[in-house]
Amino acid sequence: MWSDWKEQIKHEPKVRHSLLWEYDLCSFDWQYMRALVVERVIERGWDEDYYALFALYGGMDGVRRIIRDEVLILSDKDIAFVCTAFNLKKEDLKCYIRKQSRQALMNS
């Protein structure tokens, strides 16, 4: 899907500012806030935003690891998307495990 991401970057890769509208991007810590950045791009990003993610966070493998281990909240639709696009199992996603735990707690 994005296997040619390195070829697609024609300028300095940047995530659209509108995805992070509430933050001052001049002093934004892209590494510390990586889970939020990945979450926002998954929710509303365009291809260019994904290319920026790959450049910022170590390619497909780096973004895959962030999705799996660090992103805490995704909708069911977005979980299905990332599982397909990044070859992941929903049972391995921290956000899915968290969602299941919260539902079990609410039903007890």
N, C-alpha and C. Protein backbone atom coordinates (compact mmCIF):
# COMPACT_ATOMS: atom_id res chain seq x y z
N MET A 1 0.82 -1.19 0.00
CA MET A 1 0.00 0.00 0.00
C MET A 1 0.86 1.25 0.00
N TRP A 2 1.78 1.35 0.95
CA TRP A 2 2.68 2.51 1.00
C TRP A 2 4.12 2.07 0.85
N SER A 3 4.35 0.98 0.15
CA SER A 3 5.69 0.42 0.05
C SER A 3 6.66 1.38 -0.64
N ASP A 4 6.15 2.31 -1.42
CA ASP A 4 7.01 3.26 -2.13
C ASP A 4 7.09 4.60 -1.40
N TRP A 5 6.90 4.61 -0.09
CA TRP A 5 6.79 5.86 0.65
C TRP A 5 8.03 6.73 0.52
N LYS A 6 9.21 6.14 0.44
CA LYS A 6 10.44 6.94 0.32
C LYS A 6 10.46 7.72 -0.99
N GLU A 7 9.94 7.13 -2.04
CA GLU A 7 9.90 7.80 -3.34
C GLU A 7 8.84 8.89 -3.38
N GLN A 8 7.85 8.81 -2.54
CA GLN A 8 6.74 9.77 -2.54
C GLN A 8 7.08 11.07 -1.83
N ILE A 9 8.11 11.07 -1.01
CA ILE A 9 8.47 12.27 -0.26
C ILE A 9 9.28 13.18 -1.17
N LYS A 10 8.66 14.30 -1.56
CA LYS A 10 9.29 15.22 -2.49
C LYS A 10 9.90 16.43 -1.76
N HIS A 11 9.56 16.61 -0.52
CA HIS A 11 10.07 17.71 0.29
C HIS A 11 10.16 17.22 1.73
N GLU A 12 10.49 18.11 2.64
CA GLU A 12 10.57 17.69 4.04
C GLU A 12 9.22 17.16 4.49
N PRO A 13 9.19 15.92 4.99
CA PRO A 13 7.90 15.33 5.37
C PRO A 13 7.28 16.05 6.58
N LYS A 14 6.03 16.42 6.43
CA LYS A 14 5.32 17.09 7.51
C LYS A 14 3.90 16.56 7.61
N VAL A 15 3.46 16.36 8.84
CA VAL A 15 2.07 16.03 9.10
C VAL A 15 1.30 17.35 9.03
N ARG A 16 0.13 17.32 8.41
CA ARG A 16 -0.67 18.54 8.30
C ARG A 16 -0.95 19.14 9.67
N HIS A 17 -0.77 20.42 9.80
CA HIS A 17 -0.98 21.12 11.07
C HIS A 17 -2.43 21.03 11.53
N SER A 18 -3.35 20.90 10.62
CA SER A 18 -4.77 20.84 11.00
C SER A 18 -5.09 19.58 11.80
N LEU A 19 -4.26 18.55 11.70
CA LEU A 19 -4.48 17.33 12.48
C LEU A 19 -4.10 17.53 13.95
N LEU A 20 -3.24 18.51 14.19
CA LEU A 20 -2.77 18.79 15.55
C LEU A 20 -3.05 20.26 15.88
N TRP A 21 -4.20 20.72 15.53
CA TRP A 21 -4.56 22.13 15.59
C TRP A 21 -4.41 22.74 16.98
N GLU A 22 -4.58 21.96 18.04
CA GLU A 22 -4.57 22.52 19.39
C GLU A 22 -3.18 22.62 20.00
N TYR A 23 -2.16 22.24 19.27
CA TYR A 23 -0.79 22.26 19.78
C TYR A 23 0.05 23.31 19.06
N ASP A 24 1.01 23.87 19.78
CA ASP A 24 1.99 24.78 19.20
C ASP A 24 3.08 23.91 18.58
N LEU A 25 3.08 23.82 17.27
CA LEU A 25 4.01 22.90 16.60
C LEU A 25 5.44 23.43 16.56
N CYS A 26 5.64 24.68 16.95
CA CYS A 26 7.01 25.21 17.04
C CYS A 26 7.76 24.56 18.18
N SER A 27 7.06 24.20 19.24
CA SER A 27 7.71 23.58 20.39
C SER A 27 7.19 22.15 20.63
N PHE A 28 6.57 21.58 19.64
CA PHE A 28 5.97 20.25 19.74
C PHE A 28 7.06 19.19 19.78
N ASP A 29 6.97 18.25 20.72
CA ASP A 29 7.93 17.14 20.83
C ASP A 29 7.37 15.95 20.05
N TRP A 30 7.84 15.78 18.82
CA TRP A 30 7.31 14.76 17.91
C TRP A 30 7.56 13.35 18.41
N GLN A 31 8.66 13.13 19.11
CA GLN A 31 8.94 11.79 19.63
C GLN A 31 8.08 11.48 20.85
N TYR A 32 8.02 12.40 21.77
CA TYR A 32 7.24 12.18 22.98
C TYR A 32 5.75 11.99 22.67
N MET A 33 5.25 12.71 21.69
CA MET A 33 3.83 12.69 21.34
C MET A 33 3.53 11.77 20.16
N ARG A 34 4.41 10.83 19.87
CA ARG A 34 4.27 9.99 18.68
C ARG A 34 2.96 9.18 18.65
N ALA A 35 2.50 8.70 19.77
CA ALA A 35 1.26 7.91 19.77
C ALA A 35 0.08 8.79 19.36
N LEU A 36 0.04 10.01 19.84
CA LEU A 36 -1.02 10.94 19.46
C LEU A 36 -0.95 11.28 17.97
N VAL A 37 0.25 11.54 17.48
CA VAL A 37 0.43 11.87 16.06
C VAL A 37 -0.05 10.71 15.19
N VAL A 38 0.36 9.50 15.52
CA VAL A 38 -0.05 8.32 14.75
C VAL A 38 -1.56 8.15 14.82
N GLU A 39 -2.12 8.31 16.00
CA GLU A 39 -3.58 8.19 16.16
C GLU A 39 -4.32 9.19 15.28
N ARG A 40 -3.89 10.44 15.28
CA ARG A 40 -4.56 11.47 14.47
C ARG A 40 -4.44 11.19 12.98
N VAL A 41 -3.28 10.72 12.54
CA VAL A 41 -3.11 10.41 11.12
C VAL A 41 -4.00 9.23 10.74
N ILE A 42 -4.09 8.23 11.59
CA ILE A 42 -4.98 7.10 11.30
C ILE A 42 -6.42 7.57 11.20
N GLU A 43 -6.83 8.43 12.09
CA GLU A 43 -8.22 8.90 12.11
C GLU A 43 -8.57 9.79 10.92
N ARG A 44 -7.66 10.71 10.54
CA ARG A 44 -8.03 11.73 9.56
C ARG A 44 -6.95 12.03 8.51
N GLY A 45 -5.90 11.23 8.47
CA GLY A 45 -4.77 11.57 7.63
C GLY A 45 -4.95 11.24 6.16
N TRP A 46 -4.17 11.93 5.36
CA TRP A 46 -4.06 11.69 3.93
C TRP A 46 -2.77 10.92 3.69
N ASP A 47 -2.58 10.46 2.46
CA ASP A 47 -1.36 9.71 2.14
C ASP A 47 -0.10 10.47 2.54
N GLU A 48 -0.06 11.78 2.28
CA GLU A 48 1.12 12.59 2.61
C GLU A 48 1.41 12.55 4.11
N ASP A 49 0.36 12.47 4.93
CA ASP A 49 0.55 12.39 6.37
C ASP A 49 1.16 11.05 6.75
N TYR A 50 0.74 9.98 6.09
CA TYR A 50 1.34 8.67 6.34
C TYR A 50 2.81 8.65 5.93
N TYR A 51 3.13 9.27 4.79
CA TYR A 51 4.52 9.33 4.36
C TYR A 51 5.36 10.06 5.40
N ALA A 52 4.80 11.12 5.98
CA ALA A 52 5.52 11.85 7.04
C ALA A 52 5.72 10.96 8.27
N LEU A 53 4.70 10.19 8.63
CA LEU A 53 4.84 9.26 9.76
C LEU A 53 5.98 8.28 9.52
N PHE A 54 6.03 7.72 8.33
CA PHE A 54 7.07 6.73 8.02
C PHE A 54 8.45 7.37 8.11
N ALA A 55 8.57 8.60 7.64
CA ALA A 55 9.86 9.30 7.71
C ALA A 55 10.23 9.64 9.15
N LEU A 56 9.26 10.04 9.95
CA LEU A 56 9.51 10.45 11.33
C LEU A 56 9.80 9.28 12.27
N TYR A 57 9.13 8.16 12.06
CA TYR A 57 9.13 7.10 13.06
C TYR A 57 9.69 5.75 12.59
N GLY A 58 10.59 5.76 11.66
CA GLY A 58 11.30 4.53 11.33
C GLY A 58 10.62 3.63 10.32
N GLY A 59 9.94 4.21 9.35
CA GLY A 59 9.32 3.42 8.30
C GLY A 59 8.09 2.66 8.75
N MET A 60 7.69 1.71 7.93
CA MET A 60 6.49 0.91 8.22
C MET A 60 6.63 0.16 9.53
N ASP A 61 7.80 -0.39 9.79
CA ASP A 61 7.99 -1.17 11.02
C ASP A 61 7.88 -0.30 12.27
N GLY A 62 8.44 0.88 12.22
CA GLY A 62 8.35 1.79 13.36
C GLY A 62 6.93 2.22 13.64
N VAL A 63 6.19 2.57 12.59
CA VAL A 63 4.80 2.98 12.75
C VAL A 63 3.96 1.79 13.22
N ARG A 64 4.22 0.62 12.68
CA ARG A 64 3.52 -0.60 13.10
C ARG A 64 3.71 -0.84 14.61
N ARG A 65 4.94 -0.67 15.09
CA ARG A 65 5.22 -0.86 16.52
C ARG A 65 4.48 0.16 17.38
N ILE A 66 4.45 1.41 16.93
CA ILE A 66 3.74 2.45 17.68
C ILE A 66 2.25 2.13 17.73
N ILE A 67 1.68 1.71 16.61
CA ILE A 67 0.26 1.35 16.58
C ILE A 67 -0.01 0.20 17.54
N ARG A 68 0.83 -0.80 17.50
CA ARG A 68 0.63 -1.99 18.32
C ARG A 68 0.81 -1.71 19.81
N ASP A 69 1.86 -0.98 20.16
CA ASP A 69 2.27 -0.88 21.57
C ASP A 69 1.92 0.43 22.27
N GLU A 70 1.63 1.49 21.53
CA GLU A 70 1.51 2.79 22.18
C GLU A 70 0.18 3.51 21.98
N VAL A 71 -0.47 3.31 20.85
CA VAL A 71 -1.75 3.99 20.60
C VAL A 71 -2.80 3.39 21.52
N LEU A 72 -3.48 4.24 22.29
CA LEU A 72 -4.42 3.76 23.31
C LEU A 72 -5.88 3.77 22.87
N ILE A 73 -6.22 4.60 21.88
CA ILE A 73 -7.62 4.73 21.50
C ILE A 73 -7.74 4.74 19.98
N LEU A 74 -8.52 3.81 19.45
CA LEU A 74 -8.91 3.79 18.04
C LEU A 74 -10.33 3.27 17.96
N SER A 75 -11.08 3.77 16.99
CA SER A 75 -12.42 3.26 16.77
C SER A 75 -12.34 1.85 16.18
N ASP A 76 -13.45 1.14 16.20
CA ASP A 76 -13.48 -0.21 15.61
C ASP A 76 -13.12 -0.17 14.13
N LYS A 77 -13.59 0.86 13.44
CA LYS A 77 -13.29 1.03 12.01
C LYS A 77 -11.79 1.23 11.80
N ASP A 78 -11.17 2.07 12.64
CA ASP A 78 -9.74 2.33 12.51
C ASP A 78 -8.91 1.11 12.91
N ILE A 79 -9.38 0.35 13.87
CA ILE A 79 -8.69 -0.90 14.24
C ILE A 79 -8.70 -1.85 13.04
N ALA A 80 -9.85 -1.99 12.40
CA ALA A 80 -9.94 -2.87 11.22
C ALA A 80 -9.00 -2.38 10.12
N PHE A 81 -8.94 -1.06 9.92
CA PHE A 81 -8.06 -0.49 8.90
C PHE A 81 -6.59 -0.80 9.19
N VAL A 82 -6.12 -0.50 10.42
CA VAL A 82 -4.70 -0.71 10.71
C VAL A 82 -4.33 -2.18 10.67
N CYS A 83 -5.25 -3.04 11.05
CA CYS A 83 -4.97 -4.48 10.98
C CYS A 83 -4.73 -4.90 9.54
N THR A 84 -5.52 -4.37 8.63
CA THR A 84 -5.36 -4.69 7.21
C THR A 84 -4.14 -4.01 6.61
N ALA A 85 -4.01 -2.70 6.85
CA ALA A 85 -2.95 -1.92 6.21
C ALA A 85 -1.56 -2.26 6.75
N PHE A 86 -1.47 -2.61 8.03
CA PHE A 86 -0.17 -2.85 8.64
C PHE A 86 0.06 -4.31 9.02
N ASN A 87 -0.82 -5.18 8.55
CA ASN A 87 -0.68 -6.62 8.79
C ASN A 87 -0.54 -6.93 10.28
N LEU A 88 -1.53 -6.47 11.04
CA LEU A 88 -1.56 -6.68 12.49
C LEU A 88 -2.79 -7.49 12.87
N LYS A 89 -2.76 -8.09 14.04
CA LYS A 89 -3.93 -8.76 14.60
C LYS A 89 -4.51 -7.86 15.68
N LYS A 90 -5.83 -7.73 15.68
CA LYS A 90 -6.44 -6.82 16.65
C LYS A 90 -6.14 -7.24 18.08
N GLU A 91 -5.98 -8.52 18.33
CA GLU A 91 -5.68 -9.00 19.68
C GLU A 91 -4.30 -8.56 20.16
N ASP A 92 -3.44 -8.12 19.24
CA ASP A 92 -2.10 -7.65 19.60
C ASP A 92 -2.06 -6.15 19.86
N LEU A 93 -3.14 -5.45 19.54
CA LEU A 93 -3.16 -3.99 19.70
C LEU A 93 -3.50 -3.60 21.12
N LYS A 94 -2.69 -2.72 21.69
CA LYS A 94 -2.93 -2.24 23.04
C LYS A 94 -4.30 -1.56 23.15
N CYS A 95 -4.69 -0.83 22.11
CA CYS A 95 -5.98 -0.14 22.14
C CYS A 95 -7.14 -1.14 22.15
N TYR A 96 -7.01 -2.26 21.46
CA TYR A 96 -8.06 -3.27 21.44
C TYR A 96 -8.15 -3.97 22.80
N ILE A 97 -7.00 -4.33 23.35
CA ILE A 97 -6.98 -4.99 24.66
C ILE A 97 -7.58 -4.06 25.71
N ARG A 98 -7.22 -2.81 25.64
CA ARG A 98 -7.75 -1.81 26.59
C ARG A 98 -9.26 -1.68 26.44
N LYS A 99 -9.73 -1.65 25.20
CA LYS A 99 -11.17 -1.53 24.94
C LYS A 99 -11.92 -2.74 25.50
N GLN A 100 -11.37 -3.93 25.30
CA GLN A 100 -12.00 -5.15 25.80
C GLN A 100 -12.04 -5.15 27.33
N SER A 101 -10.96 -4.71 27.96
CA SER A 101 -10.91 -4.65 29.42
C SER A 101 -11.94 -3.67 29.97
N ARG A 102 -12.09 -2.53 29.32
CA ARG A 102 -13.05 -1.52 29.77
C ARG A 102 -14.47 -2.03 29.60
N GLN A 103 -14.76 -2.75 28.52
CA GLN A 103 -16.11 -3.29 28.31
C GLN A 103 -16.42 -4.36 29.35
N ALA A 104 -15.43 -5.19 29.67
CA ALA A 104 -15.62 -6.22 30.67
C ALA A 104 -15.90 -5.58 32.04
N LEU A 105 -15.20 -4.52 32.35
CA LEU A 105 -15.39 -3.81 33.61
C LEU A 105 -16.78 -3.18 33.67
N MET A 106 -17.22 -2.58 32.58
CA MET A 106 -18.52 -1.94 32.53
C MET A 106 -19.66 -2.97 32.65
N ASN A 107 -19.43 -4.18 32.17
CA ASN A 107 -20.46 -5.23 32.19
C ASN A 107 -20.47 -6.04 33.48
N SER A 108 -19.51 -5.79 34.36
CA SER A 108 -19.45 -6.58 35.60
C SER A 108 -20.24 -5.94 36.72
